[in-house]
Each structure stands twice: as C-alpha cells, then as structure tokens.
Protein backbone atom coordinates (compact mmCIF):
# COMPACT_ATOMS: atom_id res chain seq x y z
CA MET A 1 17.73 -24.85 1.08
CA THR A 2 14.55 -23.41 -1.15
CA GLY A 3 12.09 -20.46 0.91
CA GLN A 4 8.67 -20.53 1.67
CA LYS A 5 6.74 -18.80 -0.51
CA ILE A 6 4.73 -15.72 1.21
CA ASP A 7 1.16 -16.00 -0.22
CA GLY A 8 -0.30 -12.55 -0.37
CA ILE A 9 -3.66 -13.88 -1.69
CA ALA A 10 -4.03 -15.96 1.30
CA VAL A 11 -2.60 -12.76 4.15
CA ALA A 12 -5.91 -10.79 2.32
CA ASN A 13 -8.77 -13.17 2.59
CA SER A 14 -7.81 -12.86 6.14
CA VAL A 15 -7.79 -9.69 6.65
CA LYS A 16 -10.62 -9.53 4.26
CA ASP A 17 -12.79 -11.68 6.27
CA ARG A 18 -11.72 -9.07 9.89
CA VAL A 19 -13.34 -6.29 7.35
CA ARG A 20 -16.26 -7.63 6.55
CA ALA A 21 -16.70 -8.45 10.13
CA ALA A 22 -16.16 -5.28 11.13
CA VAL A 23 -18.19 -3.89 8.60
CA ALA A 24 -21.56 -6.73 9.98
CA GLU A 25 -20.80 -5.55 13.22
CA LEU A 26 -20.84 -1.71 12.44
CA LYS A 27 -23.70 -1.70 9.97
CA LYS A 28 -25.55 -3.12 13.37
CA GLU A 29 -25.16 0.03 15.01
CA GLY A 30 -26.69 1.61 11.30
CA ILE A 31 -23.29 2.66 9.88
CA GLU A 32 -22.96 1.74 6.56
CA PRO A 33 -19.11 2.46 5.57
CA CYS A 34 -18.42 4.26 2.25
CA LEU A 35 -16.03 4.89 0.26
CA ALA A 36 -15.76 7.99 -2.66
CA THR A 37 -13.30 7.00 -5.58
CA VAL A 38 -12.14 9.80 -7.33
CA LEU A 39 -10.87 9.88 -10.93
CA VAL A 40 -9.58 12.20 -13.45
CA GLY A 41 -8.53 11.35 -17.02
CA ASP A 42 -8.77 7.97 -19.45
CA ASP A 43 -6.06 6.80 -18.65
CA GLN A 44 -6.78 2.83 -18.89
CA ALA A 45 -5.24 0.83 -16.08
CA SER A 46 -5.89 3.35 -13.40
CA ALA A 47 -9.59 2.74 -14.43
CA SER A 48 -9.02 -0.79 -13.69
CA TYR A 49 -7.47 -0.31 -10.47
CA VAL A 50 -10.62 2.05 -9.49
CA THR A 51 -12.77 -0.59 -10.55
CA SER A 52 -10.77 -3.54 -8.81
CA LYS A 53 -11.06 -1.69 -6.09
CA GLN A 54 -15.11 -0.59 -5.64
CA LYS A 55 -15.44 -5.01 -6.56
CA ASP A 56 -13.23 -5.37 -3.43
CA CYS A 57 -15.67 -2.80 -1.56
CA ALA A 58 -18.36 -5.13 -2.87
CA GLU A 59 -16.80 -8.12 -1.50
CA VAL A 60 -16.09 -6.92 2.50
CA GLY A 61 -19.79 -5.00 2.29
CA ILE A 62 -18.63 -1.71 2.04
CA ALA A 63 -20.12 1.07 0.00
CA THR A 64 -19.05 3.46 -2.87
CA LYS A 65 -19.44 6.07 -4.16
CA ASP A 66 -17.73 6.81 -7.81
CA HIS A 67 -16.73 9.37 -9.39
CA ARG A 68 -14.79 9.67 -12.93
CA LEU A 69 -14.11 12.85 -14.24
CA PRO A 70 -12.67 14.21 -17.36
CA GLN A 71 -9.43 14.67 -19.04
CA THR A 72 -9.96 18.22 -19.19
CA PHE A 73 -10.88 18.99 -15.28
CA SER A 74 -9.41 21.92 -13.26
CA GLN A 75 -6.92 22.15 -9.55
CA LYS A 76 -9.78 24.58 -8.91
CA GLU A 77 -12.64 21.67 -9.80
CA LEU A 78 -11.13 18.89 -8.59
CA GLU A 79 -10.51 20.80 -4.63
CA SER A 80 -14.33 21.69 -5.05
CA LEU A 81 -14.93 17.83 -5.90
CA ILE A 82 -12.55 16.71 -2.00
CA ASP A 83 -14.91 19.84 -0.43
CA LEU A 84 -17.69 18.34 -1.48
CA LEU A 85 -16.85 14.87 0.21
CA ASN A 86 -14.54 16.23 3.18
CA ASN A 87 -18.47 17.30 4.23
CA ASP A 88 -20.62 14.60 3.82
CA ASN A 89 -21.49 12.72 6.29
CA THR A 90 -22.12 9.14 4.68
CA VAL A 91 -18.47 9.27 2.97
CA HIS A 92 -15.78 8.60 5.45
CA GLY A 93 -13.22 7.36 2.89
CA ILE A 94 -11.70 9.28 -0.15
CA LEU A 95 -9.59 7.68 -2.31
CA VAL A 96 -8.01 9.68 -5.08
CA GLN A 97 -6.26 7.81 -7.86
CA LEU A 98 -2.71 8.58 -8.45
CA PRO A 99 -0.81 9.52 -10.90
CA LEU A 100 -3.47 12.59 -11.76
CA PRO A 101 -2.90 14.24 -15.11
CA LYS A 102 -0.07 16.10 -15.43
CA GLN A 103 -1.80 20.40 -15.32
CA LEU A 104 -3.19 18.74 -11.81
CA ASP A 105 -1.29 20.00 -8.58
CA GLU A 106 -0.77 16.29 -6.66
CA PHE A 107 0.81 17.14 -3.53
CA GLY A 108 -2.30 20.11 -3.90
CA VAL A 109 -5.86 17.67 -4.27
CA ILE A 110 -3.43 14.82 -1.72
CA THR A 111 -3.62 17.83 1.36
CA LYS A 112 -6.97 19.48 0.39
CA ILE A 113 -8.12 15.59 1.94
CA SER A 114 -9.30 15.29 5.59
CA PRO A 115 -7.47 13.50 7.75
CA ILE A 116 -9.83 11.16 8.58
CA LYS A 117 -10.81 10.47 4.71
CA ASP A 118 -7.16 9.80 4.11
CA VAL A 119 -7.63 6.11 3.22
CA ASP A 120 -3.93 6.19 1.17
CA GLY A 121 -3.04 7.13 4.28
CA LEU A 122 -0.85 10.50 2.00
CA THR A 123 -1.74 14.29 3.84
CA PRO A 124 1.01 15.58 4.90
CA TYR A 125 -0.97 15.39 8.55
CA ASN A 126 -1.00 11.67 8.66
CA MET A 127 2.64 11.02 7.04
CA GLY A 128 3.58 13.52 10.41
CA LEU A 129 1.95 10.62 12.04
CA LEU A 130 3.48 8.23 11.10
CA ALA A 131 6.96 9.79 11.37
CA SER A 132 5.69 10.16 15.14
CA GLY A 133 4.57 6.55 15.33
CA ARG A 134 0.67 7.61 16.13
CA ALA A 135 -0.73 7.18 13.05
CA LEU A 136 -4.19 5.07 12.31
CA LEU A 137 -4.66 5.15 8.67
CA LYS A 138 -1.58 4.58 6.66
CA PRO A 139 -0.39 4.09 3.66
CA CYS A 140 -1.97 0.74 1.86
CA THR A 141 1.33 -1.38 0.79
CA PRO A 142 3.22 -0.49 3.28
CA SER A 143 1.26 -1.86 5.90
CA GLY A 144 0.17 -4.31 3.62
CA ILE A 145 4.74 -5.63 4.21
CA MET A 146 3.70 -5.29 7.74
CA GLU A 147 0.60 -7.36 7.60
CA LEU A 148 3.12 -10.16 5.66
CA PHE A 149 5.45 -10.50 8.45
CA ASP A 150 2.79 -10.60 11.17
CA PHE A 151 0.78 -13.50 9.85
CA TYR A 152 3.93 -15.27 8.77
CA LYS A 153 5.74 -14.50 12.59
CA ILE A 154 8.74 -12.82 11.18
CA ASP A 155 10.76 -10.97 13.68
CA ILE A 156 11.50 -7.86 12.67
CA SER A 157 13.05 -6.53 15.82
CA GLY A 158 16.99 -6.04 15.44
CA LYS A 159 17.00 -6.42 11.60
CA HIS A 160 18.88 -5.26 9.00
CA VAL A 161 16.33 -4.12 6.66
CA VAL A 162 17.79 -2.90 3.51
CA ILE A 163 14.31 -0.50 0.98
CA ILE A 164 14.87 -0.51 -2.14
CA ASN A 165 12.81 2.43 -2.86
CA ARG A 166 12.17 6.15 -1.79
CA SER A 167 9.45 6.96 -3.05
CA ASN A 168 6.26 8.73 -0.82
CA LEU A 169 4.44 5.21 -0.64
CA VAL A 170 6.67 2.68 0.04
CA GLY A 171 10.10 3.80 0.37
CA LYS A 172 9.15 6.48 2.90
CA PRO A 173 6.23 4.72 5.29
CA LEU A 174 7.69 1.45 5.20
CA TYR A 175 10.94 3.23 6.52
CA HIS A 176 9.46 4.39 9.38
CA LEU A 177 7.38 1.50 10.06
CA MET A 178 10.12 -0.89 10.33
CA LEU A 179 11.47 1.54 12.94
CA GLU A 180 7.92 0.85 14.82
CA LYS A 181 9.64 -2.68 14.97
CA ASN A 182 12.69 -1.85 16.31
CA ALA A 183 14.88 -2.46 13.17
CA THR A 184 17.75 -1.12 11.84
CA VAL A 185 16.82 0.58 7.74
CA THR A 186 18.50 1.93 5.00
CA THR A 187 16.80 3.29 2.09
CA CYS A 188 18.69 2.98 -1.37
CA HIS A 189 17.59 4.71 -4.65
CA SER A 190 18.72 5.19 -8.28
CA LYS A 191 22.11 7.31 -6.81
CA THR A 192 23.16 5.20 -3.65
CA ARG A 193 26.46 3.47 -4.08
CA ASP A 194 27.22 -0.82 -4.13
CA LEU A 195 23.77 -2.01 -3.66
CA LYS A 196 24.20 -5.25 -4.00
CA SER A 197 26.88 -5.20 -0.88
CA LEU A 198 24.41 -3.22 0.71
CA CYS A 199 21.56 -6.12 -0.49
CA LEU A 200 23.81 -9.23 0.81
CA GLY A 201 24.43 -7.64 4.60
CA ALA A 202 20.11 -7.67 4.99
CA ASP A 203 18.70 -9.77 6.77
CA ILE A 204 15.42 -8.62 4.90
CA VAL A 205 15.37 -7.13 1.38
CA VAL A 206 12.23 -4.56 0.40
CA SER A 207 12.31 -4.10 -3.64
CA ALA A 208 10.26 -1.54 -5.09
CA VAL A 209 12.04 -0.11 -8.04
CA GLY A 210 9.03 -1.24 -10.69
CA ASN A 211 11.25 -1.56 -14.01
CA ARG A 212 12.84 -5.15 -14.84
CA SER A 213 13.94 -4.04 -17.71
CA ARG A 214 16.89 -1.47 -15.75
CA PHE A 215 17.02 -3.53 -12.49
CA THR A 216 16.51 -6.73 -10.88
CA LEU A 217 17.62 -8.32 -7.38
CA THR A 218 19.54 -11.45 -8.46
CA GLN A 219 19.62 -14.36 -6.67
CA ASP A 220 24.01 -13.42 -6.12
CA MET A 221 22.59 -9.67 -4.20
CA VAL A 222 20.44 -11.85 -1.09
CA LYS A 223 22.69 -13.52 1.51
CA GLU A 224 21.41 -16.78 3.18
CA GLY A 225 18.73 -17.49 4.75
CA ALA A 226 17.16 -13.22 4.36
CA VAL A 227 14.00 -12.49 3.98
CA VAL A 228 12.83 -11.04 -0.23
CA ILE A 229 9.52 -7.96 -0.57
CA ASP A 230 8.46 -7.45 -3.92
CA VAL A 231 6.73 -4.70 -4.55
CA GLY A 232 7.96 -3.74 -7.94
CA THR A 233 5.14 -4.71 -11.08
CA SER A 234 6.53 -3.99 -14.77
CA ARG A 235 6.14 -6.10 -17.87
CA LEU A 236 8.64 -8.77 -19.10
CA ASP A 237 7.80 -11.31 -21.98
CA GLY A 238 4.36 -10.08 -21.54
CA LYS A 239 4.11 -11.48 -18.73
CA LEU A 240 3.47 -8.59 -15.10
CA ALA A 241 6.77 -8.97 -13.24
CA GLY A 242 8.05 -7.72 -10.09
CA ASP A 243 11.91 -6.88 -9.08
CA VAL A 244 12.99 -9.82 -8.40
CA ASP A 245 14.50 -13.07 -10.20
CA TYR A 246 12.23 -15.49 -7.81
CA ASP A 247 12.66 -18.57 -9.57
CA ASN A 248 16.18 -18.42 -8.05
CA VAL A 249 16.02 -15.68 -5.70
CA ILE A 250 13.64 -18.18 -3.04
CA LYS A 251 16.23 -21.22 -3.97
CA LYS A 252 18.36 -18.53 -0.97
CA ALA A 253 16.11 -16.64 1.06
CA SER A 254 14.29 -18.42 3.67
CA TYR A 255 11.17 -16.51 2.95
CA ALA A 256 9.95 -14.72 -0.94
CA THR A 257 6.67 -12.44 -2.38
CA PRO A 258 6.36 -13.37 -6.01
CA VAL A 259 4.76 -11.05 -8.33
CA PRO A 260 2.05 -11.68 -9.25
CA GLY A 261 -0.19 -13.00 -5.79
CA GLY A 262 2.38 -11.47 -3.06
CA VAL A 263 2.13 -7.45 -1.90
CA GLY A 264 -0.42 -6.70 -4.63
CA PRO A 265 -3.33 -7.85 -3.04
CA MET A 266 -2.21 -6.80 0.28
CA THR A 267 -1.89 -3.30 -1.00
CA ARG A 268 -6.26 -3.61 -1.71
CA ALA A 269 -7.39 -5.14 1.23
CA MET A 270 -4.95 -2.69 3.44
CA LEU A 271 -7.24 -0.50 1.58
CA LEU A 272 -10.16 -1.59 2.55
CA LYS A 273 -8.96 -1.93 6.48
CA ASN A 274 -8.50 1.48 6.42
CA THR A 275 -12.22 2.36 5.31
CA VAL A 276 -13.56 0.81 8.54
CA THR A 277 -10.48 2.42 10.45
CA ALA A 278 -11.81 6.03 8.70
CA THR A 279 -16.07 5.08 9.65
CA SER A 280 -14.83 3.89 13.03
CA ILE A 281 -13.36 7.52 13.72
CA SER A 282 -15.78 10.08 12.23
CA LYS A 283 -18.25 7.80 14.33
CA GLY A 284 -15.88 7.94 17.43
CA ILE A 285 -16.06 4.03 18.12
CA GLY A 286 -12.64 3.29 18.56
CA THR A 287 -10.75 1.42 15.83
CA GLN A 288 -10.25 -1.55 13.75
CA ARG A 289 -6.34 -2.64 13.89
C-alpha cells in the first residue's frame, strides 16, 4: 500500500480562510486584531521566522507591532516591555520569539505575558488550563497537529499514540490534547528504552526530535497502516528534512506528513487563529474555534 500525504499547506490555507473571515467580522465591530512581536538579538533564523509571521498576519488582515531589541537587552528591560504590551489595549497578542539569548530567563519572560495575550499558549496559567481540558489559547504546533486530524477525519479515540518528544512546545501539550480525544498516549524521549518496539505498537506516531544526524524514523519502526506525523526539522545534504524517512514510510503508513509542507504551515496558521481568539477574549465577544 501507499499512504496518503497529509497536505499541511492546504489545511493551513483553510484555517487562514476562517481567520480572515473572523478578522473581517471583528473589523465591522471597530476592532482591529493586533499581534506584537518581540525579537531579542540578531539570530538570522529567528529574524526570518518573525518576518514570516508578520507576513502571515498581513495576509489575513491582522496588524502587527514589531519590537526588535539588541542582544544586550536585560531581563528587567524585557519584562518592562512586556508589561507595557500587557497594558496596551490596542495589542491583543504577544509573541516573544524563542530561543532568547542565554543571559535571559525564558520562563520568567513567558510568565510575565498576560494569559489572555499568550498566543503561544505557553504561560503556566494556560498550560494548566490545557492540562484541565479548558484552554482556549493552546500551543501552536500541537493544536495544528490536531487540526490536521480533524481535516482528514482521522479518528483518534481509542488509538495508541506514541509521541517522541517531551518538550513544553510539542510533546507535553500534545499529550494532553490527545488525551482529550480519548487516545492512549505514550511519551518517548532520549532515555526511552526499546523505542522501536513502542513505535511498532502505535497506531499514530508523532516524531519531533529535530536532529536527523542522530535519529531517523524508518519504515521498519512503523506498523502497517499507522499514521505518521513528522514535526522535526533539520538539514540533510543541504536540504530541509524531518525526522521521518518519508519516501519509504509513506509506502507503509495510511497517512504521513512531509517536511516541508506538513506540520510547519500549521504552526504558523494556528498562531493567526490564536491571535483572533485572544482578540475575541479581550473584547468579551466569544471565541473563534
């Protein structure tokens, strides 16, 4: 068998269409959704990500406020800026681009963000709501993965899901989102023993290692008909690659995401959705789901 490619670009475009319509409705009420972006330092990859996110916002009608700060910016200065953005009624979402320079405390910075403006869904408050099944603002990559399942009508209930990642950005929040859909979830990581046998027992495998030189999810690690979601990104022979040996795994899987064009576009699309949701929350007019 040859499985079906999960087209993240097509699904992301469907999310953008919904966001565009929601933005138009908000503007009819005199409300202009606005995302503030904060970039500290001169990392070129981070700068590129922020620019891409700002272009996405412009595409759907969301305004942006750009804050690009020097590498030497202090913790106190950054937290003061976040306080200003928290208190700015024209700003509905705050995105602090990670990673931050080493002298800054990421957890301290994230904790400073108002939970109702936390479009990354990473504040302790929103992570707690997520664990309780009550979050409205959810981390973008995990919620984008769930959107893929919804779009392709892939039933998760009762399935065994293996997630190869335990980070706050992907593995931990995805664990909770999968549990909400009645999946049985196993979280794997660098200390997991016999990873291959765990993957072979899974109906759904989500890999987010992001280091192709150290780890590849190969065809012999996937059972016939499994769904494979590739979140990893790295460089292989000068080209962008994921964790998964896609060309061979797709021959065995029922569905699989490519890299690029799979989960990546969904992460960016869900940021837009979260910005509209945050705008709605701040104005007390309901939420866009």
